[in-house]
Every structure is written in structure tokens, then in C-alpha cells.
Amino acid sequence: MNLSPYILIGLRKNLEVYRLIAEAIPEARWDQPTGPNRFTIREAMAHWADWESVHLQRCETALSFDLAPVPNLSETDRAEEMGYRNWTKDHCIDLFERDRNRLISFVEERNDFEIRRRFVHAKFGTLTIADYAGHILGHDAYHIEQMLSAMFTK
């Protein structure tokens, strides 16, 4: 497969990073905002977990036909629809682990032709599955910074 092994390592390592962050933040702080006009810790952790299924759907769409369009979802609308404000820590951890493992398996099973299949996102443009795997690591980094900042802010 034409994919940096560090992408798969990063996707796997962030399984543990997610769990460590979720366990490190006291439950009493889970409803604390992470910044002005931003999700609470609970909503951000729920979003991060929920988005794994979105990532997988986008990659699966790329296999259906080249340059397949994928929807540009609103994070805030999805949060409301999915009821992020009511998600528990255990639900977030379980969902993230289940869906991240599904995503890793999907990427690992792709051959060189498939990993280069493309989809079109209204905001991010044309991406291959390989490109998008790196994009997911960027999404992880965004939320890792968000959670670490929230952890160290009173």
C-alpha cells in the first residue's frame, strides 16, 4: 500500500491518546466550554468520537466512483441532532474505539489503486483516501490541543 506507515501508527496511537485524555479530565469539568463559542469538553469529545463514522463514510464513498462528492456537514447541527450534550464519557470512549478501529481496518485493507481513489469535499477539495488519512491525524491534533488547553485552564 502506498501510505506512510506513520499514518497508521498515528491513527492507532491516537486510540490511546483519546482514552488518556477522556480519563484525565474530571467528569465535573466535562461541561466546561473549551473556549469562546466552542464546544464544551463533553461536546468536543462526542464530536471527535462521532466524526470517526463520518471519516469512514467519506473514504467508503471514494470507492464507489472516482471524484464522488461527500457532504460538508455542520459540526454544530450534527451536535444538536446527535445530542452530544448528553453523551457519557464511556459512550464517547466506546464509540471512538469502535469506529477508529473500523477506519484503521478499512485503510489497511486498501490496495494501492484503492488508496488513491478520490472524493470531493466542498471545503477541503479533492482528496485521496491516503490524503484523507493524514487529514484525520490533523483533526486529531486539533482536538488534542483543544482538550489539553481545557485541561490546564481553570
N, C-alpha and C. Protein backbone atom coordinates (compact mmCIF):
# COMPACT_ATOMS: atom_id res chain seq x y z
N MET A 1 0.85 -1.17 0.00
CA MET A 1 0.00 0.00 0.00
C MET A 1 0.89 1.24 0.00
N ASN A 2 0.51 2.22 -0.76
CA ASN A 2 1.28 3.46 -0.90
C ASN A 2 0.83 4.47 0.17
N LEU A 3 1.16 4.18 1.41
CA LEU A 3 0.75 5.03 2.53
C LEU A 3 1.86 4.98 3.57
N SER A 4 2.23 6.12 4.08
CA SER A 4 3.26 6.16 5.12
C SER A 4 2.84 5.31 6.31
N PRO A 5 3.73 4.46 6.79
CA PRO A 5 3.37 3.66 7.96
C PRO A 5 3.08 4.52 9.19
N TYR A 6 3.63 5.74 9.22
CA TYR A 6 3.37 6.61 10.36
C TYR A 6 1.93 7.08 10.42
N ILE A 7 1.24 7.08 9.30
CA ILE A 7 -0.18 7.44 9.34
C ILE A 7 -0.95 6.37 10.12
N LEU A 8 -0.69 5.11 9.82
CA LEU A 8 -1.37 4.03 10.55
C LEU A 8 -0.93 4.00 12.01
N ILE A 9 0.34 4.23 12.27
CA ILE A 9 0.83 4.29 13.65
C ILE A 9 0.11 5.41 14.40
N GLY A 10 0.01 6.59 13.77
CA GLY A 10 -0.66 7.72 14.40
C GLY A 10 -2.13 7.44 14.66
N LEU A 11 -2.82 6.84 13.70
CA LEU A 11 -4.23 6.52 13.89
C LEU A 11 -4.41 5.56 15.06
N ARG A 12 -3.50 4.58 15.17
CA ARG A 12 -3.57 3.63 16.29
C ARG A 12 -3.20 4.29 17.62
N LYS A 13 -2.13 5.06 17.63
CA LYS A 13 -1.68 5.71 18.88
C LYS A 13 -2.76 6.64 19.42
N ASN A 14 -3.48 7.31 18.52
CA ASN A 14 -4.50 8.24 18.99
C ASN A 14 -5.70 7.56 19.60
N LEU A 15 -5.83 6.24 19.42
CA LEU A 15 -6.82 5.48 20.19
C LEU A 15 -6.51 5.62 21.68
N GLU A 16 -5.25 5.42 22.04
CA GLU A 16 -4.84 5.53 23.43
C GLU A 16 -4.84 6.98 23.90
N VAL A 17 -4.43 7.91 23.04
CA VAL A 17 -4.44 9.32 23.40
C VAL A 17 -5.86 9.76 23.75
N TYR A 18 -6.83 9.36 22.94
CA TYR A 18 -8.22 9.72 23.21
C TYR A 18 -8.64 9.22 24.59
N ARG A 19 -8.36 7.95 24.87
CA ARG A 19 -8.74 7.36 26.15
C ARG A 19 -8.04 8.08 27.31
N LEU A 20 -6.74 8.35 27.16
CA LEU A 20 -5.99 9.03 28.22
C LEU A 20 -6.58 10.41 28.51
N ILE A 21 -6.90 11.15 27.46
CA ILE A 21 -7.49 12.48 27.65
C ILE A 21 -8.85 12.37 28.34
N ALA A 22 -9.68 11.45 27.84
CA ALA A 22 -11.02 11.29 28.42
C ALA A 22 -10.94 10.93 29.90
N GLU A 23 -10.01 10.07 30.25
CA GLU A 23 -9.87 9.64 31.65
C GLU A 23 -9.22 10.72 32.51
N ALA A 24 -8.39 11.57 31.92
CA ALA A 24 -7.66 12.58 32.69
C ALA A 24 -8.53 13.77 33.09
N ILE A 25 -9.57 14.04 32.33
CA ILE A 25 -10.42 15.20 32.62
C ILE A 25 -11.50 14.77 33.60
N PRO A 26 -11.52 15.38 34.78
CA PRO A 26 -12.55 15.01 35.77
C PRO A 26 -13.95 15.24 35.19
N GLU A 27 -14.85 14.33 35.51
CA GLU A 27 -16.22 14.42 34.99
C GLU A 27 -16.88 15.75 35.34
N ALA A 28 -16.50 16.32 36.47
CA ALA A 28 -17.07 17.60 36.89
C ALA A 28 -16.74 18.73 35.92
N ARG A 29 -15.72 18.54 35.08
CA ARG A 29 -15.32 19.57 34.12
C ARG A 29 -15.84 19.30 32.71
N TRP A 30 -16.50 18.19 32.49
CA TRP A 30 -16.91 17.82 31.14
C TRP A 30 -17.89 18.80 30.50
N ASP A 31 -18.56 19.58 31.28
CA ASP A 31 -19.49 20.55 30.70
C ASP A 31 -18.92 21.96 30.66
N GLN A 32 -17.62 22.05 30.85
CA GLN A 32 -16.89 23.32 30.75
C GLN A 32 -16.63 23.64 29.28
N PRO A 33 -16.90 24.87 28.86
CA PRO A 33 -16.56 25.25 27.47
C PRO A 33 -15.04 25.18 27.25
N THR A 34 -14.67 24.89 26.02
CA THR A 34 -13.24 24.82 25.68
C THR A 34 -12.73 26.15 25.14
N GLY A 35 -13.58 27.14 25.07
CA GLY A 35 -13.21 28.46 24.58
C GLY A 35 -14.47 29.21 24.18
N PRO A 36 -14.30 30.49 23.87
CA PRO A 36 -15.46 31.28 23.43
C PRO A 36 -16.07 30.70 22.15
N ASN A 37 -17.37 30.52 22.17
CA ASN A 37 -18.10 29.99 21.00
C ASN A 37 -17.59 28.62 20.55
N ARG A 38 -17.16 27.81 21.52
CA ARG A 38 -16.67 26.47 21.19
C ARG A 38 -17.45 25.44 22.00
N PHE A 39 -17.34 24.21 21.57
CA PHE A 39 -17.97 23.10 22.28
C PHE A 39 -17.48 23.02 23.73
N THR A 40 -18.32 22.43 24.58
CA THR A 40 -17.84 22.04 25.91
C THR A 40 -16.90 20.84 25.71
N ILE A 41 -16.22 20.47 26.78
CA ILE A 41 -15.36 19.29 26.71
C ILE A 41 -16.19 18.08 26.28
N ARG A 42 -17.35 17.89 26.90
CA ARG A 42 -18.22 16.75 26.55
C ARG A 42 -18.59 16.77 25.07
N GLU A 43 -19.03 17.92 24.59
CA GLU A 43 -19.43 18.02 23.18
C GLU A 43 -18.26 17.81 22.24
N ALA A 44 -17.08 18.33 22.61
CA ALA A 44 -15.89 18.14 21.76
C ALA A 44 -15.47 16.69 21.72
N MET A 45 -15.50 16.02 22.88
CA MET A 45 -15.14 14.60 22.91
C MET A 45 -16.16 13.77 22.13
N ALA A 46 -17.44 14.15 22.24
CA ALA A 46 -18.50 13.46 21.49
C ALA A 46 -18.31 13.69 19.99
N HIS A 47 -18.03 14.92 19.60
CA HIS A 47 -17.79 15.23 18.18
C HIS A 47 -16.63 14.41 17.65
N TRP A 48 -15.53 14.42 18.38
CA TRP A 48 -14.33 13.70 17.94
C TRP A 48 -14.65 12.21 17.74
N ALA A 49 -15.40 11.64 18.67
CA ALA A 49 -15.77 10.23 18.56
C ALA A 49 -16.76 10.01 17.41
N ASP A 50 -17.75 10.86 17.31
CA ASP A 50 -18.79 10.71 16.29
C ASP A 50 -18.23 10.88 14.88
N TRP A 51 -17.24 11.75 14.74
CA TRP A 51 -16.71 12.05 13.41
C TRP A 51 -15.96 10.87 12.80
N GLU A 52 -15.60 9.87 13.60
CA GLU A 52 -14.94 8.69 13.05
C GLU A 52 -15.83 8.01 12.01
N SER A 53 -17.13 7.95 12.27
CA SER A 53 -18.03 7.33 11.30
C SER A 53 -18.15 8.20 10.05
N VAL A 54 -18.08 9.51 10.21
CA VAL A 54 -18.10 10.43 9.06
C VAL A 54 -16.85 10.21 8.21
N HIS A 55 -15.70 10.12 8.88
CA HIS A 55 -14.45 9.87 8.14
C HIS A 55 -14.56 8.58 7.33
N LEU A 56 -15.04 7.53 7.96
CA LEU A 56 -15.14 6.24 7.27
C LEU A 56 -16.11 6.33 6.09
N GLN A 57 -17.25 6.99 6.29
CA GLN A 57 -18.22 7.13 5.19
C GLN A 57 -17.60 7.86 4.00
N ARG A 58 -16.81 8.88 4.26
CA ARG A 58 -16.17 9.62 3.18
C ARG A 58 -15.21 8.73 2.41
N CYS A 59 -14.43 7.94 3.14
CA CYS A 59 -13.49 7.02 2.48
C CYS A 59 -14.23 5.96 1.68
N GLU A 60 -15.29 5.42 2.24
CA GLU A 60 -16.08 4.42 1.52
C GLU A 60 -16.70 5.02 0.27
N THR A 61 -17.12 6.27 0.33
CA THR A 61 -17.70 6.94 -0.83
C THR A 61 -16.69 7.03 -1.96
N ALA A 62 -15.43 7.26 -1.62
CA ALA A 62 -14.39 7.35 -2.66
C ALA A 62 -14.28 6.05 -3.45
N LEU A 63 -14.60 4.94 -2.83
CA LEU A 63 -14.53 3.66 -3.54
C LEU A 63 -15.69 3.46 -4.49
N SER A 64 -16.80 4.19 -4.28
CA SER A 64 -17.97 3.98 -5.12
C SER A 64 -17.73 4.46 -6.55
N PHE A 65 -17.12 5.61 -6.71
CA PHE A 65 -16.67 6.09 -8.02
C PHE A 65 -15.70 7.24 -7.80
N ASP A 66 -14.79 7.42 -8.74
CA ASP A 66 -13.77 8.44 -8.61
C ASP A 66 -14.41 9.83 -8.62
N LEU A 67 -13.91 10.70 -7.74
CA LEU A 67 -14.38 12.06 -7.57
C LEU A 67 -15.82 12.14 -7.06
N ALA A 68 -16.21 11.15 -6.28
CA ALA A 68 -17.54 11.16 -5.67
C ALA A 68 -17.64 12.33 -4.70
N PRO A 69 -18.75 13.07 -4.74
CA PRO A 69 -18.92 14.17 -3.78
C PRO A 69 -19.31 13.63 -2.40
N VAL A 70 -18.82 14.30 -1.37
CA VAL A 70 -19.22 13.97 0.01
C VAL A 70 -19.80 15.23 0.63
N PRO A 71 -20.74 15.07 1.56
CA PRO A 71 -21.37 16.25 2.15
C PRO A 71 -20.42 17.00 3.09
N ASN A 72 -20.60 18.30 3.13
CA ASN A 72 -19.88 19.16 4.08
C ASN A 72 -20.82 19.36 5.26
N LEU A 73 -20.66 18.54 6.28
CA LEU A 73 -21.56 18.57 7.43
C LEU A 73 -21.25 19.73 8.36
N SER A 74 -22.27 20.25 8.99
CA SER A 74 -22.11 21.27 10.02
C SER A 74 -21.90 20.58 11.35
N GLU A 75 -20.76 20.87 11.99
CA GLU A 75 -20.47 20.27 13.29
C GLU A 75 -21.52 20.65 14.33
N THR A 76 -21.96 21.90 14.32
CA THR A 76 -22.93 22.34 15.31
C THR A 76 -24.31 21.72 15.08
N ASP A 77 -24.72 21.61 13.82
CA ASP A 77 -26.00 20.95 13.53
C ASP A 77 -25.95 19.48 13.93
N ARG A 78 -24.85 18.84 13.61
CA ARG A 78 -24.70 17.41 13.95
C ARG A 78 -24.71 17.24 15.47
N ALA A 79 -24.06 18.15 16.19
CA ALA A 79 -24.03 18.07 17.66
C ALA A 79 -25.44 18.10 18.22
N GLU A 80 -26.26 18.98 17.67
CA GLU A 80 -27.64 19.09 18.13
C GLU A 80 -28.44 17.84 17.76
N GLU A 81 -28.30 17.39 16.51
CA GLU A 81 -29.03 16.21 16.04
C GLU A 81 -28.68 14.96 16.84
N MET A 82 -27.40 14.81 17.16
CA MET A 82 -26.92 13.61 17.84
C MET A 82 -26.99 13.73 19.37
N GLY A 83 -27.29 14.91 19.88
CA GLY A 83 -27.42 15.10 21.31
C GLY A 83 -26.12 14.98 22.08
N TYR A 84 -25.06 15.55 21.51
CA TYR A 84 -23.74 15.45 22.15
C TYR A 84 -23.74 15.85 23.62
N ARG A 85 -24.57 16.82 23.97
CA ARG A 85 -24.53 17.33 25.35
C ARG A 85 -24.93 16.28 26.38
N ASN A 86 -25.50 15.16 25.91
CA ASN A 86 -25.93 14.10 26.83
C ASN A 86 -25.03 12.85 26.79
N TRP A 87 -23.99 12.89 25.97
CA TRP A 87 -23.15 11.70 25.85
C TRP A 87 -22.30 11.52 27.10
N THR A 88 -22.10 10.29 27.49
CA THR A 88 -21.26 9.99 28.65
C THR A 88 -19.82 9.74 28.20
N LYS A 89 -18.93 9.83 29.15
CA LYS A 89 -17.52 9.54 28.88
C LYS A 89 -17.37 8.12 28.32
N ASP A 90 -18.02 7.16 28.94
CA ASP A 90 -17.90 5.77 28.49
C ASP A 90 -18.43 5.60 27.07
N HIS A 91 -19.54 6.25 26.76
CA HIS A 91 -20.08 6.16 25.40
C HIS A 91 -19.08 6.75 24.40
N CYS A 92 -18.52 7.90 24.72
CA CYS A 92 -17.54 8.53 23.83
C CYS A 92 -16.34 7.61 23.59
N ILE A 93 -15.81 7.05 24.66
CA ILE A 93 -14.64 6.16 24.53
C ILE A 93 -15.00 4.94 23.70
N ASP A 94 -16.11 4.30 24.02
CA ASP A 94 -16.52 3.09 23.29
C ASP A 94 -16.72 3.37 21.81
N LEU A 95 -17.41 4.47 21.50
CA LEU A 95 -17.68 4.82 20.11
C LEU A 95 -16.39 5.14 19.36
N PHE A 96 -15.52 5.94 19.98
CA PHE A 96 -14.26 6.29 19.32
C PHE A 96 -13.45 5.03 19.03
N GLU A 97 -13.33 4.16 20.02
CA GLU A 97 -12.52 2.95 19.82
C GLU A 97 -13.11 2.05 18.75
N ARG A 98 -14.42 1.86 18.78
CA ARG A 98 -15.05 1.00 17.78
C ARG A 98 -14.86 1.56 16.36
N ASP A 99 -15.18 2.85 16.21
CA ASP A 99 -15.14 3.42 14.86
C ASP A 99 -13.73 3.70 14.38
N ARG A 100 -12.81 4.05 15.27
CA ARG A 100 -11.41 4.23 14.83
C ARG A 100 -10.84 2.89 14.38
N ASN A 101 -11.16 1.82 15.08
CA ASN A 101 -10.68 0.50 14.66
C ASN A 101 -11.27 0.11 13.30
N ARG A 102 -12.52 0.45 13.06
CA ARG A 102 -13.13 0.20 11.74
C ARG A 102 -12.40 1.00 10.65
N LEU A 103 -12.09 2.25 10.96
CA LEU A 103 -11.39 3.10 10.00
C LEU A 103 -9.99 2.55 9.70
N ILE A 104 -9.27 2.16 10.74
CA ILE A 104 -7.93 1.59 10.54
C ILE A 104 -8.01 0.33 9.68
N SER A 105 -8.94 -0.54 9.97
CA SER A 105 -9.10 -1.76 9.17
C SER A 105 -9.40 -1.43 7.72
N PHE A 106 -10.29 -0.46 7.51
CA PHE A 106 -10.63 -0.06 6.15
C PHE A 106 -9.38 0.40 5.40
N VAL A 107 -8.60 1.27 6.01
CA VAL A 107 -7.40 1.80 5.35
C VAL A 107 -6.38 0.69 5.11
N GLU A 108 -6.18 -0.17 6.09
CA GLU A 108 -5.21 -1.26 5.95
C GLU A 108 -5.58 -2.23 4.83
N GLU A 109 -6.85 -2.40 4.57
CA GLU A 109 -7.31 -3.36 3.57
C GLU A 109 -7.25 -2.83 2.14
N ARG A 110 -6.94 -1.55 1.96
CA ARG A 110 -6.93 -0.97 0.62
C ARG A 110 -5.65 -1.32 -0.11
N ASN A 111 -5.79 -1.61 -1.40
CA ASN A 111 -4.61 -1.81 -2.25
C ASN A 111 -4.15 -0.45 -2.78
N ASP A 112 -3.06 -0.43 -3.53
CA ASP A 112 -2.50 0.84 -4.00
C ASP A 112 -3.47 1.62 -4.88
N PHE A 113 -4.24 0.94 -5.70
CA PHE A 113 -5.22 1.62 -6.54
C PHE A 113 -6.31 2.26 -5.68
N GLU A 114 -6.82 1.50 -4.73
CA GLU A 114 -7.92 1.99 -3.90
C GLU A 114 -7.49 3.15 -3.00
N ILE A 115 -6.29 3.09 -2.45
CA ILE A 115 -5.84 4.13 -1.53
C ILE A 115 -5.70 5.48 -2.25
N ARG A 116 -5.62 5.43 -3.58
CA ARG A 116 -5.52 6.67 -4.37
C ARG A 116 -6.87 7.12 -4.92
N ARG A 117 -7.94 6.41 -4.57
CA ARG A 117 -9.28 6.84 -5.01
C ARG A 117 -9.59 8.18 -4.38
N ARG A 118 -10.32 9.00 -5.13
CA ARG A 118 -10.56 10.39 -4.70
C ARG A 118 -12.03 10.65 -4.43
N PHE A 119 -12.24 11.60 -3.53
CA PHE A 119 -13.57 12.16 -3.32
C PHE A 119 -13.43 13.67 -3.30
N VAL A 120 -14.56 14.35 -3.44
CA VAL A 120 -14.56 15.82 -3.47
C VAL A 120 -15.37 16.34 -2.29
N HIS A 121 -14.72 17.17 -1.50
CA HIS A 121 -15.35 17.81 -0.34
C HIS A 121 -15.46 19.30 -0.65
N ALA A 122 -16.61 19.89 -0.39
CA ALA A 122 -16.84 21.30 -0.74
C ALA A 122 -15.83 22.24 -0.10
N LYS A 123 -15.38 21.95 1.10
CA LYS A 123 -14.44 22.83 1.80
C LYS A 123 -12.98 22.44 1.57
N PHE A 124 -12.68 21.14 1.57
CA PHE A 124 -11.30 20.67 1.51
C PHE A 124 -10.84 20.29 0.11
N GLY A 125 -11.75 20.27 -0.85
CA GLY A 125 -11.38 19.98 -2.23
C GLY A 125 -11.28 18.49 -2.51
N THR A 126 -10.43 18.16 -3.47
CA THR A 126 -10.26 16.77 -3.90
C THR A 126 -9.20 16.10 -3.04
N LEU A 127 -9.57 14.99 -2.45
CA LEU A 127 -8.67 14.25 -1.56
C LEU A 127 -8.68 12.77 -1.92
N THR A 128 -7.52 12.14 -1.87
CA THR A 128 -7.46 10.68 -1.97
C THR A 128 -7.72 10.11 -0.58
N ILE A 129 -7.97 8.83 -0.53
CA ILE A 129 -8.12 8.18 0.77
C ILE A 129 -6.83 8.34 1.57
N ALA A 130 -5.67 8.22 0.91
CA ALA A 130 -4.38 8.41 1.59
C ALA A 130 -4.27 9.84 2.14
N ASP A 131 -4.63 10.83 1.33
CA ASP A 131 -4.61 12.22 1.80
C ASP A 131 -5.51 12.38 3.02
N TYR A 132 -6.68 11.78 2.93
CA TYR A 132 -7.66 11.95 3.99
C TYR A 132 -7.22 11.28 5.28
N ALA A 133 -6.48 10.19 5.18
CA ALA A 133 -5.94 9.56 6.39
C ALA A 133 -5.04 10.54 7.13
N GLY A 134 -4.23 11.30 6.40
CA GLY A 134 -3.42 12.35 7.02
C GLY A 134 -4.29 13.48 7.56
N HIS A 135 -5.35 13.81 6.85
CA HIS A 135 -6.30 14.83 7.30
C HIS A 135 -6.90 14.43 8.66
N ILE A 136 -7.21 13.17 8.82
CA ILE A 136 -7.78 12.68 10.08
C ILE A 136 -6.79 12.90 11.22
N LEU A 137 -5.50 12.69 10.96
CA LEU A 137 -4.50 12.95 12.01
C LEU A 137 -4.47 14.43 12.37
N GLY A 138 -4.67 15.30 11.39
CA GLY A 138 -4.77 16.73 11.68
C GLY A 138 -6.00 17.04 12.53
N HIS A 139 -7.11 16.39 12.24
CA HIS A 139 -8.33 16.54 13.03
C HIS A 139 -8.06 16.09 14.47
N ASP A 140 -7.36 14.97 14.62
CA ASP A 140 -6.97 14.50 15.96
C ASP A 140 -6.14 15.56 16.67
N ALA A 141 -5.13 16.10 15.99
CA ALA A 141 -4.23 17.09 16.62
C ALA A 141 -5.02 18.32 17.07
N TYR A 142 -5.96 18.76 16.27
CA TYR A 142 -6.80 19.90 16.62
C TYR A 142 -7.49 19.65 17.97
N HIS A 143 -8.09 18.45 18.10
CA HIS A 143 -8.83 18.15 19.33
C HIS A 143 -7.91 17.81 20.50
N ILE A 144 -6.75 17.26 20.22
CA ILE A 144 -5.78 17.03 21.30
C ILE A 144 -5.37 18.36 21.91
N GLU A 145 -5.06 19.34 21.07
CA GLU A 145 -4.69 20.67 21.58
C GLU A 145 -5.86 21.28 22.33
N GLN A 146 -7.06 21.16 21.79
CA GLN A 146 -8.26 21.72 22.43
C GLN A 146 -8.45 21.13 23.82
N MET A 147 -8.31 19.81 23.95
CA MET A 147 -8.52 19.16 25.23
C MET A 147 -7.39 19.46 26.22
N LEU A 148 -6.16 19.48 25.73
CA LEU A 148 -5.04 19.82 26.63
C LEU A 148 -5.16 21.26 27.14
N SER A 149 -5.55 22.16 26.27
CA SER A 149 -5.76 23.54 26.69
C SER A 149 -6.85 23.63 27.75
N ALA A 150 -7.94 22.89 27.54
CA ALA A 150 -9.05 22.90 28.50
C ALA A 150 -8.62 22.28 29.83
N MET A 151 -7.79 21.24 29.76
CA MET A 151 -7.33 20.58 30.99
C MET A 151 -6.51 21.51 31.87
N PHE A 152 -5.75 22.40 31.25
CA PHE A 152 -4.84 23.23 32.00
C PHE A 152 -5.36 24.65 32.22
N THR A 153 -6.64 24.85 31.91
CA THR A 153 -7.30 26.13 32.14
C THR A 153 -8.29 25.95 33.28
N LYS A 154 -8.28 26.87 34.17
CA LYS A 154 -9.22 26.78 35.33
C LYS A 154 -10.62 27.12 34.90
